């Protein structure tokens, strides 16, 4: 069973990280991500990622683009019902669930 990286960071004090930041923070050591880069991802949470994509998915795709050319968008869509934050928010899928899905997809892709 993979370690759930996101649970320690998504909307937790003291940082109160958004969905995109929580994914980066969970993989910070593995990908050698600076705190400054994580802070920059504050701009991409809450439906503000490029194209309105879920911030957790956006961050997961950015991480995976560094190590492989595999996209997890389709798998994310199958689990969350959509890839667009605004459309996901219209369903019963909570943000924390999207972060969990993205976290697991990154871990699965890295295996």
PDB file of N, CA and C in Angstrom:
ATOM      1  N   UNK A   1       0.843  -1.185   0.000  1.00  0.00           N
ATOM      2  CA  UNK A   1       0.000   0.000   0.000  1.00  0.00           C
ATOM      3  C   UNK A   1       0.889   1.250   0.000  1.00  0.00           C
ATOM      4  N   UNK A   2       0.715   2.144  -0.984  1.00  0.00           N
ATOM      5  CA  UNK A   2       1.555   3.337  -1.046  1.00  0.00           C
ATOM      6  C   UNK A   2       1.294   4.276   0.135  1.00  0.00           C
ATOM      7  N   UNK A   3       2.312   5.016   0.502  1.00  0.00           N
ATOM      8  CA  UNK A   3       2.163   6.040   1.535  1.00  0.00           C
ATOM      9  C   UNK A   3       1.314   7.156   0.957  1.00  0.00           C
ATOM     10  N   UNK A   4       0.389   7.631   1.734  1.00  0.00           N
ATOM     11  CA  UNK A   4      -0.473   8.721   1.285  1.00  0.00           C
ATOM     12  C   UNK A   4       0.224  10.049   1.585  1.00  0.00           C
ATOM     13  N   UNK A   5       1.001  10.530   0.631  1.00  0.00           N
ATOM     14  CA  UNK A   5       1.781  11.748   0.816  1.00  0.00           C
ATOM     15  C   UNK A   5       0.917  12.972   1.101  1.00  0.00           C
ATOM     16  N   UNK A   6      -0.178  13.099   0.388  1.00  0.00           N
ATOM     17  CA  UNK A   6      -0.986  14.308   0.427  1.00  0.00           C
ATOM     18  C   UNK A   6      -1.631  14.579   1.779  1.00  0.00           C
ATOM     19  N   UNK A   7      -1.953  13.545   2.556  1.00  0.00           N
ATOM     20  CA  UNK A   7      -2.736  13.747   3.774  1.00  0.00           C
ATOM     21  C   UNK A   7      -2.022  14.622   4.804  1.00  0.00           C
ATOM     22  N   UNK A   8      -0.724  14.681   4.729  1.00  0.00           N
ATOM     23  CA  UNK A   8       0.023  15.498   5.677  1.00  0.00           C
ATOM     24  C   UNK A   8       0.075  16.971   5.290  1.00  0.00           C
ATOM     25  N   UNK A   9      -0.366  17.289   4.091  1.00  0.00           N
ATOM     26  CA  UNK A   9      -0.155  18.646   3.585  1.00  0.00           C
ATOM     27  C   UNK A   9      -1.400  19.373   3.090  1.00  0.00           C
ATOM     28  N   UNK A  10      -2.392  18.681   2.566  1.00  0.00           N
ATOM     29  CA  UNK A  10      -3.547  19.357   1.963  1.00  0.00           C
ATOM     30  C   UNK A  10      -4.395  20.035   3.039  1.00  0.00           C
ATOM     31  N   UNK A  11      -4.432  21.346   2.985  1.00  0.00           N
ATOM     32  CA  UNK A  11      -5.177  22.189   3.922  1.00  0.00           C
ATOM     33  C   UNK A  11      -4.825  21.935   5.380  1.00  0.00           C
ATOM     34  N   UNK A  12      -3.575  21.566   5.635  1.00  0.00           N
ATOM     35  CA  UNK A  12      -3.090  21.340   6.999  1.00  0.00           C
ATOM     36  C   UNK A  12      -2.216  22.511   7.420  1.00  0.00           C
ATOM     37  N   UNK A  13      -2.305  22.865   8.668  1.00  0.00           N
ATOM     38  CA  UNK A  13      -1.464  23.933   9.215  1.00  0.00           C
ATOM     39  C   UNK A  13      -0.066  23.383   9.453  1.00  0.00           C
ATOM     40  N   UNK A  14       0.979  24.122   9.374  1.00  0.00           N
ATOM     41  CA  UNK A  14       0.954  25.580   9.286  1.00  0.00           C
ATOM     42  C   UNK A  14       0.901  26.115   7.858  1.00  0.00           C
ATOM     43  N   UNK A  15       1.230  25.292   6.845  1.00  0.00           N
ATOM     44  CA  UNK A  15       1.313  25.819   5.481  1.00  0.00           C
ATOM     45  C   UNK A  15      -0.038  26.041   4.816  1.00  0.00           C
ATOM     46  N   UNK A  16      -1.042  25.227   5.151  1.00  0.00           N
ATOM     47  CA  UNK A  16      -2.361  25.309   4.523  1.00  0.00           C
ATOM     48  C   UNK A  16      -2.248  25.244   2.996  1.00  0.00           C
ATOM     49  N   UNK A  17      -1.607  24.187   2.501  1.00  0.00           N
ATOM     50  CA  UNK A  17      -1.335  24.050   1.075  1.00  0.00           C
ATOM     51  C   UNK A  17      -2.587  23.688   0.287  1.00  0.00           C
ATOM     52  N   UNK A  18      -2.685  24.229  -0.915  1.00  0.00           N
ATOM     53  CA  UNK A  18      -3.806  23.884  -1.792  1.00  0.00           C
ATOM     54  C   UNK A  18      -3.527  22.536  -2.467  1.00  0.00           C
ATOM     55  N   UNK A  19      -4.417  22.128  -3.354  1.00  0.00           N
ATOM     56  CA  UNK A  19      -4.323  20.820  -4.003  1.00  0.00           C
ATOM     57  C   UNK A  19      -3.037  20.645  -4.796  1.00  0.00           C
ATOM     58  N   UNK A  20      -2.666  21.628  -5.596  1.00  0.00           N
ATOM     59  CA  UNK A  20      -1.453  21.542  -6.413  1.00  0.00           C
ATOM     60  C   UNK A  20      -0.214  21.508  -5.526  1.00  0.00           C
ATOM     61  N   UNK A  21      -0.195  22.350  -4.512  1.00  0.00           N
ATOM     62  CA  UNK A  21       0.947  22.414  -3.613  1.00  0.00           C
ATOM     63  C   UNK A  21       1.106  21.121  -2.809  1.00  0.00           C
ATOM     64  N   UNK A  22      -0.003  20.540  -2.386  1.00  0.00           N
ATOM     65  CA  UNK A  22       0.048  19.309  -1.586  1.00  0.00           C
ATOM     66  C   UNK A  22       0.692  18.174  -2.367  1.00  0.00           C
ATOM     67  N   UNK A  23       0.407  18.104  -3.667  1.00  0.00           N
ATOM     68  CA  UNK A  23       1.034  17.071  -4.489  1.00  0.00           C
ATOM     69  C   UNK A  23       2.538  17.303  -4.562  1.00  0.00           C
ATOM     70  N   UNK A  24       2.945  18.531  -4.825  1.00  0.00           N
ATOM     71  CA  UNK A  24       4.380  18.826  -4.890  1.00  0.00           C
ATOM     72  C   UNK A  24       5.060  18.552  -3.557  1.00  0.00           C
ATOM     73  N   UNK A  25       4.450  18.994  -2.474  1.00  0.00           N
ATOM     74  CA  UNK A  25       5.061  18.815  -1.153  1.00  0.00           C
ATOM     75  C   UNK A  25       5.218  17.331  -0.823  1.00  0.00           C
ATOM     76  N   UNK A  26       4.239  16.530  -1.211  1.00  0.00           N
ATOM     77  CA  UNK A  26       4.311  15.101  -0.946  1.00  0.00           C
ATOM     78  C   UNK A  26       5.464  14.413  -1.659  1.00  0.00           C
ATOM     79  N   UNK A  27       5.893  14.979  -2.764  1.00  0.00           N
ATOM     80  CA  UNK A  27       6.984  14.400  -3.547  1.00  0.00           C
ATOM     81  C   UNK A  27       8.220  15.300  -3.549  1.00  0.00           C
ATOM     82  N   UNK A  28       8.277  16.224  -2.604  1.00  0.00           N
ATOM     83  CA  UNK A  28       9.346  17.229  -2.572  1.00  0.00           C
ATOM     84  C   UNK A  28      10.731  16.605  -2.560  1.00  0.00           C
ATOM     85  N   UNK A  29      10.975  15.670  -1.677  1.00  0.00           N
ATOM     86  CA  UNK A  29      12.307  15.071  -1.591  1.00  0.00           C
ATOM     87  C   UNK A  29      12.619  14.229  -2.821  1.00  0.00           C
ATOM     88  N   UNK A  30      11.646  13.464  -3.264  1.00  0.00           N
ATOM     89  CA  UNK A  30      11.860  12.568  -4.401  1.00  0.00           C
ATOM     90  C   UNK A  30      12.196  13.324  -5.682  1.00  0.00           C
ATOM     91  N   UNK A  31      11.592  14.499  -5.861  1.00  0.00           N
ATOM     92  CA  UNK A  31      11.799  15.288  -7.076  1.00  0.00           C
ATOM     93  C   UNK A  31      12.696  16.503  -6.860  1.00  0.00           C
ATOM     94  N   UNK A  32      13.223  16.653  -5.643  1.00  0.00           N
ATOM     95  CA  UNK A  32      14.096  17.775  -5.308  1.00  0.00           C
ATOM     96  C   UNK A  32      13.414  19.114  -5.625  1.00  0.00           C
ATOM     97  N   UNK A  33      12.238  19.312  -5.065  1.00  0.00           N
ATOM     98  CA  UNK A  33      11.435  20.511  -5.301  1.00  0.00           C
ATOM     99  C   UNK A  33      11.699  21.516  -4.185  1.00  0.00           C
ATOM    100  N   UNK A  34      11.963  22.738  -4.556  1.00  0.00           N
ATOM    101  CA  UNK A  34      12.236  23.776  -3.555  1.00  0.00           C
ATOM    102  C   UNK A  34      10.935  24.268  -2.918  1.00  0.00           C
ATOM    103  N   UNK A  35      11.057  24.821  -1.722  1.00  0.00           N
ATOM    104  CA  UNK A  35       9.899  25.425  -1.063  1.00  0.00           C
ATOM    105  C   UNK A  35       9.364  26.587  -1.893  1.00  0.00           C
ATOM    106  N   UNK A  36      10.258  27.283  -2.580  1.00  0.00           N
ATOM    107  CA  UNK A  36       9.847  28.408  -3.418  1.00  0.00           C
ATOM    108  C   UNK A  36       8.957  27.922  -4.574  1.00  0.00           C
ATOM    109  N   UNK A  37       9.323  26.804  -5.178  1.00  0.00           N
ATOM    110  CA  UNK A  37       8.498  26.263  -6.265  1.00  0.00           C
ATOM    111  C   UNK A  37       7.126  25.847  -5.740  1.00  0.00           C
ATOM    112  N   UNK A  38       7.101  25.219  -4.570  1.00  0.00           N
ATOM    113  CA  UNK A  38       5.825  24.843  -3.970  1.00  0.00           C
ATOM    114  C   UNK A  38       4.983  26.085  -3.724  1.00  0.00           C
ATOM    115  N   UNK A  39       5.599  27.145  -3.235  1.00  0.00           N
ATOM    116  CA  UNK A  39       4.881  28.394  -2.992  1.00  0.00           C
ATOM    117  C   UNK A  39       4.309  28.959  -4.291  1.00  0.00           C
ATOM    118  N   UNK A  40       5.050  28.830  -5.392  1.00  0.00           N
ATOM    119  CA  UNK A  40       4.572  29.325  -6.686  1.00  0.00           C
ATOM    120  C   UNK A  40       3.304  28.605  -7.137  1.00  0.00           C
ATOM    121  N   UNK A  41       3.127  27.365  -6.717  1.00  0.00           N
ATOM    122  CA  UNK A  41       1.955  26.596  -7.118  1.00  0.00           C
ATOM    123  C   UNK A  41       0.683  27.022  -6.380  1.00  0.00           C
ATOM    124  N   UNK A  42       0.795  27.958  -5.459  1.00  0.00           N
ATOM    125  CA  UNK A  42      -0.394  28.516  -4.804  1.00  0.00           C
ATOM    126  C   UNK A  42      -1.324  29.116  -5.869  1.00  0.00           C
ATOM    127  N   UNK A  43      -0.748  29.600  -6.946  1.00  0.00           N
ATOM    128  CA  UNK A  43      -1.525  30.221  -8.023  1.00  0.00           C
ATOM    129  C   UNK A  43      -2.354  29.210  -8.811  1.00  0.00           C
ATOM    130  N   UNK A  44      -2.083  27.906  -8.659  1.00  0.00           N
ATOM    131  CA  UNK A  44      -2.760  26.922  -9.487  1.00  0.00           C
ATOM    132  C   UNK A  44      -3.722  26.011  -8.729  1.00  0.00           C
ATOM    133  N   UNK A  45      -4.082  26.393  -7.544  1.00  0.00           N
ATOM    134  CA  UNK A  45      -5.088  25.632  -6.806  1.00  0.00           C
ATOM    135  C   UNK A  45      -6.459  26.257  -6.998  1.00  0.00           C
ATOM    136  N   UNK A  46      -7.485  25.572  -6.543  1.00  0.00           N
ATOM    137  CA  UNK A  46      -8.834  26.136  -6.561  1.00  0.00           C
ATOM    138  C   UNK A  46      -9.382  26.450  -7.935  1.00  0.00           C
ATOM    139  N   UNK A  47      -9.035  25.645  -8.927  1.00  0.00           N
ATOM    140  CA  UNK A  47      -9.587  25.831 -10.266  1.00  0.00           C
ATOM    141  C   UNK A  47      -8.833  26.820 -11.128  1.00  0.00           C
ATOM    142  N   UNK A  48      -7.660  27.260 -10.676  1.00  0.00           N
ATOM    143  CA  UNK A  48      -6.907  28.267 -11.429  1.00  0.00           C
ATOM    144  C   UNK A  48      -5.777  27.684 -12.273  1.00  0.00           C
ATOM    145  N   UNK A  49      -5.659  26.375 -12.331  1.00  0.00           N
ATOM    146  CA  UNK A  49      -4.619  25.760 -13.166  1.00  0.00           C
ATOM    147  C   UNK A  49      -4.966  25.979 -14.634  1.00  0.00           C
ATOM    148  N   UNK A  50      -3.970  25.846 -15.486  1.00  0.00           N
ATOM    149  CA  UNK A  50      -4.155  26.067 -16.920  1.00  0.00           C
ATOM    150  C   UNK A  50      -5.343  25.284 -17.456  1.00  0.00           C
ATOM    151  N   UNK A  51      -6.210  25.964 -18.170  1.00  0.00           N
ATOM    152  CA  UNK A  51      -7.370  25.329 -18.771  1.00  0.00           C
ATOM    153  C   UNK A  51      -8.454  24.928 -17.781  1.00  0.00           C
ATOM    154  N   UNK A  52      -8.322  25.349 -16.527  1.00  0.00           N
ATOM    155  CA  UNK A  52      -9.316  25.005 -15.517  1.00  0.00           C
ATOM    156  C   UNK A  52      -9.180  23.594 -14.977  1.00  0.00           C
ATOM    157  N   UNK A  53      -8.057  22.950 -15.294  1.00  0.00           N
ATOM    158  CA  UNK A  53      -7.801  21.585 -14.839  1.00  0.00           C
ATOM    159  C   UNK A  53      -7.654  21.574 -13.324  1.00  0.00           C
ATOM    160  N   UNK A  54      -8.054  20.479 -12.703  1.00  0.00           N
ATOM    161  CA  UNK A  54      -7.866  20.290 -11.265  1.00  0.00           C
ATOM    162  C   UNK A  54      -6.394  20.539 -10.927  1.00  0.00           C
ATOM    163  N   UNK A  55      -6.142  21.313  -9.899  1.00  0.00           N
ATOM    164  CA  UNK A  55      -4.771  21.644  -9.511  1.00  0.00           C
ATOM    165  C   UNK A  55      -3.946  20.434  -9.123  1.00  0.00           C
ATOM    166  N   UNK A  56      -4.574  19.459  -8.483  1.00  0.00           N
ATOM    167  CA  UNK A  56      -3.851  18.240  -8.098  1.00  0.00           C
ATOM    168  C   UNK A  56      -3.398  17.484  -9.343  1.00  0.00           C
ATOM    169  N   UNK A  57      -4.268  17.389 -10.323  1.00  0.00           N
ATOM    170  CA  UNK A  57      -3.910  16.738 -11.576  1.00  0.00           C
ATOM    171  C   UNK A  57      -2.829  17.538 -12.298  1.00  0.00           C
ATOM    172  N   UNK A  58      -2.970  18.841 -12.329  1.00  0.00           N
ATOM    173  CA  UNK A  58      -1.988  19.717 -12.962  1.00  0.00           C
ATOM    174  C   UNK A  58      -0.602  19.474 -12.376  1.00  0.00           C
ATOM    175  N   UNK A  59      -0.495  19.444 -11.057  1.00  0.00           N
ATOM    176  CA  UNK A  59       0.791  19.220 -10.397  1.00  0.00           C
ATOM    177  C   UNK A  59       1.313  17.810 -10.666  1.00  0.00           C
ATOM    178  N   UNK A  60       0.426  16.824 -10.652  1.00  0.00           N
ATOM    179  CA  UNK A  60       0.833  15.440 -10.924  1.00  0.00           C
ATOM    180  C   UNK A  60       1.401  15.314 -12.334  1.00  0.00           C
ATOM    181  N   UNK A  61       0.748  15.932 -13.292  1.00  0.00           N
ATOM    182  CA  UNK A  61       1.221  15.880 -14.673  1.00  0.00           C
ATOM    183  C   UNK A  61       2.578  16.565 -14.804  1.00  0.00           C
ATOM    184  N   UNK A  62       2.758  17.697 -14.141  1.00  0.00           N
ATOM    185  CA  UNK A  62       4.031  18.413 -14.187  1.00  0.00           C
ATOM    186  C   UNK A  62       5.158  17.554 -13.611  1.00  0.00           C
ATOM    187  N   UNK A  63       4.879  16.873 -12.497  1.00  0.00           N
ATOM    188  CA  UNK A  63       5.890  15.990 -11.900  1.00  0.00           C
ATOM    189  C   UNK A  63       6.251  14.856 -12.851  1.00  0.00           C
ATOM    190  N   UNK A  64       5.238  14.205 -13.372  1.00  0.00           N
ATOM    191  CA  UNK A  64       5.476  13.040 -14.222  1.00  0.00           C
ATOM    192  C   UNK A  64       6.154  13.413 -15.531  1.00  0.00           C
ATOM    193  N   UNK A  65       5.922  14.617 -16.019  1.00  0.00           N
ATOM    194  CA  UNK A  65       6.593  15.077 -17.242  1.00  0.00           C
ATOM    195  C   UNK A  65       8.103  15.160 -17.056  1.00  0.00           C
ATOM    196  N   UNK A  66       8.552  15.250 -15.820  1.00  0.00           N
ATOM    197  CA  UNK A  66       9.988  15.314 -15.546  1.00  0.00           C
ATOM    198  C   UNK A  66      10.668  13.957 -15.680  1.00  0.00           C
ATOM    199  N   UNK A  67       9.913  12.884 -15.491  1.00  0.00           N
ATOM    200  CA  UNK A  67      10.533  11.552 -15.451  1.00  0.00           C
ATOM    201  C   UNK A  67      10.037  10.589 -16.528  1.00  0.00           C
ATOM    202  N   UNK A  68       8.895  10.869 -17.089  1.00  0.00           N
ATOM    203  CA  UNK A  68       8.357  10.000 -18.139  1.00  0.00           C
ATOM    204  C   UNK A  68       7.347  10.801 -18.949  1.00  0.00           C
ATOM    205  N   UNK A  69       6.935  10.244 -20.036  1.00  0.00           N
ATOM    206  CA  UNK A  69       5.979  10.961 -20.880  1.00  0.00           C
ATOM    207  C   UNK A  69       4.566  10.433 -20.702  1.00  0.00           C
ATOM    208  N   UNK A  70       4.323   9.795 -19.585  1.00  0.00           N
ATOM    209  CA  UNK A  70       3.007   9.225 -19.322  1.00  0.00           C
ATOM    210  C   UNK A  70       2.066  10.278 -18.748  1.00  0.00           C
ATOM    211  N   UNK A  71       0.893  10.376 -19.318  1.00  0.00           N
ATOM    212  CA  UNK A  71      -0.149  11.245 -18.778  1.00  0.00           C
ATOM    213  C   UNK A  71      -1.096  10.398 -17.931  1.00  0.00           C
ATOM    214  N   UNK A  72      -1.544  10.981 -16.835  1.00  0.00           N
ATOM    215  CA  UNK A  72      -2.504  10.286 -15.980  1.00  0.00           C
ATOM    216  C   UNK A  72      -3.891  10.931 -16.062  1.00  0.00           C
ATOM    217  N   UNK A  73      -4.073  11.815 -17.028  1.00  0.00           N
ATOM    218  CA  UNK A  73      -5.348  12.532 -17.162  1.00  0.00           C
ATOM    219  C   UNK A  73      -6.536  11.598 -17.335  1.00  0.00           C
ATOM    220  N   UNK A  74      -6.395  10.591 -18.185  1.00  0.00           N
ATOM    221  CA  UNK A  74      -7.514   9.673 -18.421  1.00  0.00           C
ATOM    222  C   UNK A  74      -7.852   8.875 -17.171  1.00  0.00           C
ATOM    223  N   UNK A  75      -6.833   8.392 -16.481  1.00  0.00           N
ATOM    224  CA  UNK A  75      -7.080   7.647 -15.245  1.00  0.00           C
ATOM    225  C   UNK A  75      -7.704   8.552 -14.185  1.00  0.00           C
ATOM    226  N   UNK A  76      -7.259   9.787 -14.137  1.00  0.00           N
ATOM    227  CA  UNK A  76      -7.835  10.747 -13.200  1.00  0.00           C
ATOM    228  C   UNK A  76      -9.312  10.977 -13.532  1.00  0.00           C
ATOM    229  N   UNK A  77      -9.607  11.162 -14.814  1.00  0.00           N
ATOM    230  CA  UNK A  77     -10.994  11.380 -15.254  1.00  0.00           C
ATOM    231  C   UNK A  77     -11.878  10.193 -14.866  1.00  0.00           C
ATOM    232  N   UNK A  78     -11.357   8.992 -15.031  1.00  0.00           N
ATOM    233  CA  UNK A  78     -12.132   7.797 -14.692  1.00  0.00           C
ATOM    234  C   UNK A  78     -12.439   7.737 -13.200  1.00  0.00           C
ATOM    235  N   UNK A  79     -11.509   8.194 -12.385  1.00  0.00           N
ATOM    236  CA  UNK A  79     -11.713   8.151 -10.931  1.00  0.00           C
ATOM    237  C   UNK A  79     -12.511   9.336 -10.399  1.00  0.00           C
ATOM    238  N   UNK A  80     -12.241  10.524 -10.923  1.00  0.00           N
ATOM    239  CA  UNK A  80     -12.878  11.745 -10.407  1.00  0.00           C
ATOM    240  C   UNK A  80     -14.112  12.156 -11.201  1.00  0.00           C
ATOM    241  N   UNK A  81     -14.286  11.589 -12.396  1.00  0.00           N
ATOM    242  CA  UNK A  81     -15.441  11.933 -13.209  1.00  0.00           C
ATOM    243  C   UNK A  81     -15.185  13.047 -14.204  1.00  0.00           C
ATOM    244  N   UNK A  82     -14.092  13.780 -14.015  1.00  0.00           N
ATOM    245  CA  UNK A  82     -13.750  14.880 -14.909  1.00  0.00           C
ATOM    246  C   UNK A  82     -12.330  15.317 -14.593  1.00  0.00           C
ATOM    247  N   UNK A  83     -11.774  16.185 -15.425  1.00  0.00           N
ATOM    248  CA  UNK A  83     -10.453  16.735 -15.119  1.00  0.00           C
ATOM    249  C   UNK A  83     -10.540  18.229 -14.808  1.00  0.00           C
ATOM    250  N   UNK A  84     -11.683  18.834 -15.098  1.00  0.00           N
ATOM    251  CA  UNK A  84     -11.864  20.264 -14.855  1.00  0.00           C
ATOM    252  C   UNK A  84     -12.383  20.509 -13.444  1.00  0.00           C
ATOM    253  N   UNK A  85     -11.723  21.374 -12.736  1.00  0.00           N
ATOM    254  CA  UNK A  85     -12.083  21.664 -11.352  1.00  0.00           C
ATOM    255  C   UNK A  85     -13.548  22.088 -11.228  1.00  0.00           C
ATOM    256  N   UNK A  86     -13.980  22.998 -12.063  1.00  0.00           N
ATOM    257  CA  UNK A  86     -15.351  23.506 -11.956  1.00  0.00           C
ATOM    258  C   UNK A  86     -16.389  22.404 -12.161  1.00  0.00           C
ATOM    259  N   UNK A  87     -16.105  21.457 -13.037  1.00  0.00           N
ATOM    260  CA  UNK A  87     -17.037  20.352 -13.263  1.00  0.00           C
ATOM    261  C   UNK A  87     -16.979  19.336 -12.125  1.00  0.00           C
ATOM    262  N   UNK A  88     -15.797  19.112 -11.578  1.00  0.00           N
ATOM    263  CA  UNK A  88     -15.665  18.196 -10.448  1.00  0.00           C
ATOM    264  C   UNK A  88     -16.415  18.752  -9.245  1.00  0.00           C
ATOM    265  N   UNK A  89     -16.330  20.057  -9.032  1.00  0.00           N
ATOM    266  CA  UNK A  89     -16.994  20.682  -7.879  1.00  0.00           C
ATOM    267  C   UNK A  89     -18.512  20.570  -7.946  1.00  0.00           C
ATOM    268  N   UNK A  90     -19.055  20.288  -9.121  1.00  0.00           N
ATOM    269  CA  UNK A  90     -20.500  20.111  -9.268  1.00  0.00           C
ATOM    270  C   UNK A  90     -20.946  18.702  -8.877  1.00  0.00           C
ATOM    271  N   UNK A  91     -19.992  17.838  -8.558  1.00  0.00           N
ATOM    272  CA  UNK A  91     -20.295  16.456  -8.194  1.00  0.00           C
ATOM    273  C   UNK A  91     -20.049  16.254  -6.702  1.00  0.00           C
ATOM    274  N   UNK A  92     -20.151  15.023  -6.275  1.00  0.00           N
ATOM    275  CA  UNK A  92     -19.907  14.705  -4.864  1.00  0.00           C
ATOM    276  C   UNK A  92     -18.446  14.374  -4.583  1.00  0.00           C
ATOM    277  N   UNK A  93     -17.570  14.536  -5.577  1.00  0.00           N
ATOM    278  CA  UNK A  93     -16.147  14.257  -5.393  1.00  0.00           C
ATOM    279  C   UNK A  93     -15.503  15.478  -4.739  1.00  0.00           C
ATOM    280  N   UNK A  94     -15.004  15.297  -3.520  1.00  0.00           N
ATOM    281  CA  UNK A  94     -14.389  16.393  -2.763  1.00  0.00           C
ATOM    282  C   UNK A  94     -12.966  16.649  -3.240  1.00  0.00           C
ATOM    283  N   UNK A  95     -12.484  17.840  -2.982  1.00  0.00           N
ATOM    284  CA  UNK A  95     -11.116  18.201  -3.361  1.00  0.00           C
ATOM    285  C   UNK A  95     -10.101  17.245  -2.755  1.00  0.00           C
ATOM    286  N   UNK A  96     -10.290  16.877  -1.518  1.00  0.00           N
ATOM    287  CA  UNK A  96      -9.335  15.971  -0.872  1.00  0.00           C
ATOM    288  C   UNK A  96      -9.282  14.630  -1.598  1.00  0.00           C
ATOM    289  N   UNK A  97     -10.393  14.216  -2.169  1.00  0.00           N
ATOM    290  CA  UNK A  97     -10.425  12.978  -2.944  1.00  0.00           C
ATOM    291  C   UNK A  97      -9.629  13.145  -4.240  1.00  0.00           C
ATOM    292  N   UNK A  98      -9.724  14.294  -4.871  1.00  0.00           N
ATOM    293  CA  UNK A  98      -8.936  14.557  -6.089  1.00  0.00           C
ATOM    294  C   UNK A  98      -7.450  14.549  -5.783  1.00  0.00           C
ATOM    295  N   UNK A  99      -7.081  15.095  -4.648  1.00  0.00           N
ATOM    296  CA  UNK A  99      -5.682  15.099  -4.251  1.00  0.00           C
ATOM    297  C   UNK A  99      -5.218  13.664  -3.990  1.00  0.00           C
ATOM    298  N   UNK A 100      -6.058  12.868  -3.356  1.00  0.00           N
ATOM    299  CA  UNK A 100      -5.729  11.460  -3.109  1.00  0.00           C
ATOM    300  C   UNK A 100      -5.523  10.721  -4.427  1.00  0.00           C
ATOM    301  N   UNK A 101      -6.424  10.928  -5.365  1.00  0.00           N
ATOM    302  CA  UNK A 101      -6.333  10.261  -6.671  1.00  0.00           C
ATOM    303  C   UNK A 101      -5.032  10.643  -7.371  1.00  0.00           C
ATOM    304  N   UNK A 102      -4.738  11.937  -7.408  1.00  0.00           N
ATOM    305  CA  UNK A 102      -3.513  12.409  -8.075  1.00  0.00           C
ATOM    306  C   UNK A 102      -2.270  11.842  -7.398  1.00  0.00           C
ATOM    307  N   UNK A 103      -2.267  11.835  -6.089  1.00  0.00           N
ATOM    308  CA  UNK A 103      -1.140  11.285  -5.329  1.00  0.00           C
ATOM    309  C   UNK A 103      -0.918   9.823  -5.692  1.00  0.00           C
ATOM    310  N   UNK A 104      -1.984   9.045  -5.695  1.00  0.00           N
ATOM    311  CA  UNK A 104      -1.862   7.620  -6.014  1.00  0.00           C
ATOM    312  C   UNK A 104      -1.429   7.372  -7.456  1.00  0.00           C
ATOM    313  N   UNK A 105      -1.899   8.208  -8.366  1.00  0.00           N
ATOM    314  CA  UNK A 105      -1.507   8.049  -9.768  1.00  0.00           C
ATOM    315  C   UNK A 105      -0.029   8.370  -9.984  1.00  0.00           C
ATOM    316  N   UNK A 106       0.475   9.355  -9.280  1.00  0.00           N
ATOM    317  CA  UNK A 106       1.898   9.653  -9.385  1.00  0.00           C
ATOM    318  C   UNK A 106       2.698   8.458  -8.844  1.00  0.00           C
ATOM    319  N   UNK A 107       2.310   7.995  -7.668  1.00  0.00           N
ATOM    320  CA  UNK A 107       3.045   6.866  -7.079  1.00  0.00           C
ATOM    321  C   UNK A 107       2.999   5.640  -7.977  1.00  0.00           C
ATOM    322  N   UNK A 108       1.839   5.363  -8.525  1.00  0.00           N
ATOM    323  CA  UNK A 108       1.690   4.205  -9.421  1.00  0.00           C
ATOM    324  C   UNK A 108       2.567   4.361 -10.663  1.00  0.00           C
ATOM    325  N   UNK A 109       2.622   5.557 -11.206  1.00  0.00           N
ATOM    326  CA  UNK A 109       3.410   5.811 -12.409  1.00  0.00           C
ATOM    327  C   UNK A 109       4.909   5.712 -12.153  1.00  0.00           C
ATOM    328  N   UNK A 110       5.323   5.950 -10.937  1.00  0.00           N
ATOM    329  CA  UNK A 110       6.733   5.914 -10.597  1.00  0.00           C
ATOM    330  C   UNK A 110       7.237   4.488 -10.294  1.00  0.00           C
ATOM    331  N   UNK A 111       6.339   3.565 -10.133  1.00  0.00           N
ATOM    332  CA  UNK A 111       6.729   2.198  -9.795  1.00  0.00           C
ATOM    333  C   UNK A 111       7.303   1.460 -10.987  1.00  0.00           C
TER     334      UNK A 111
END
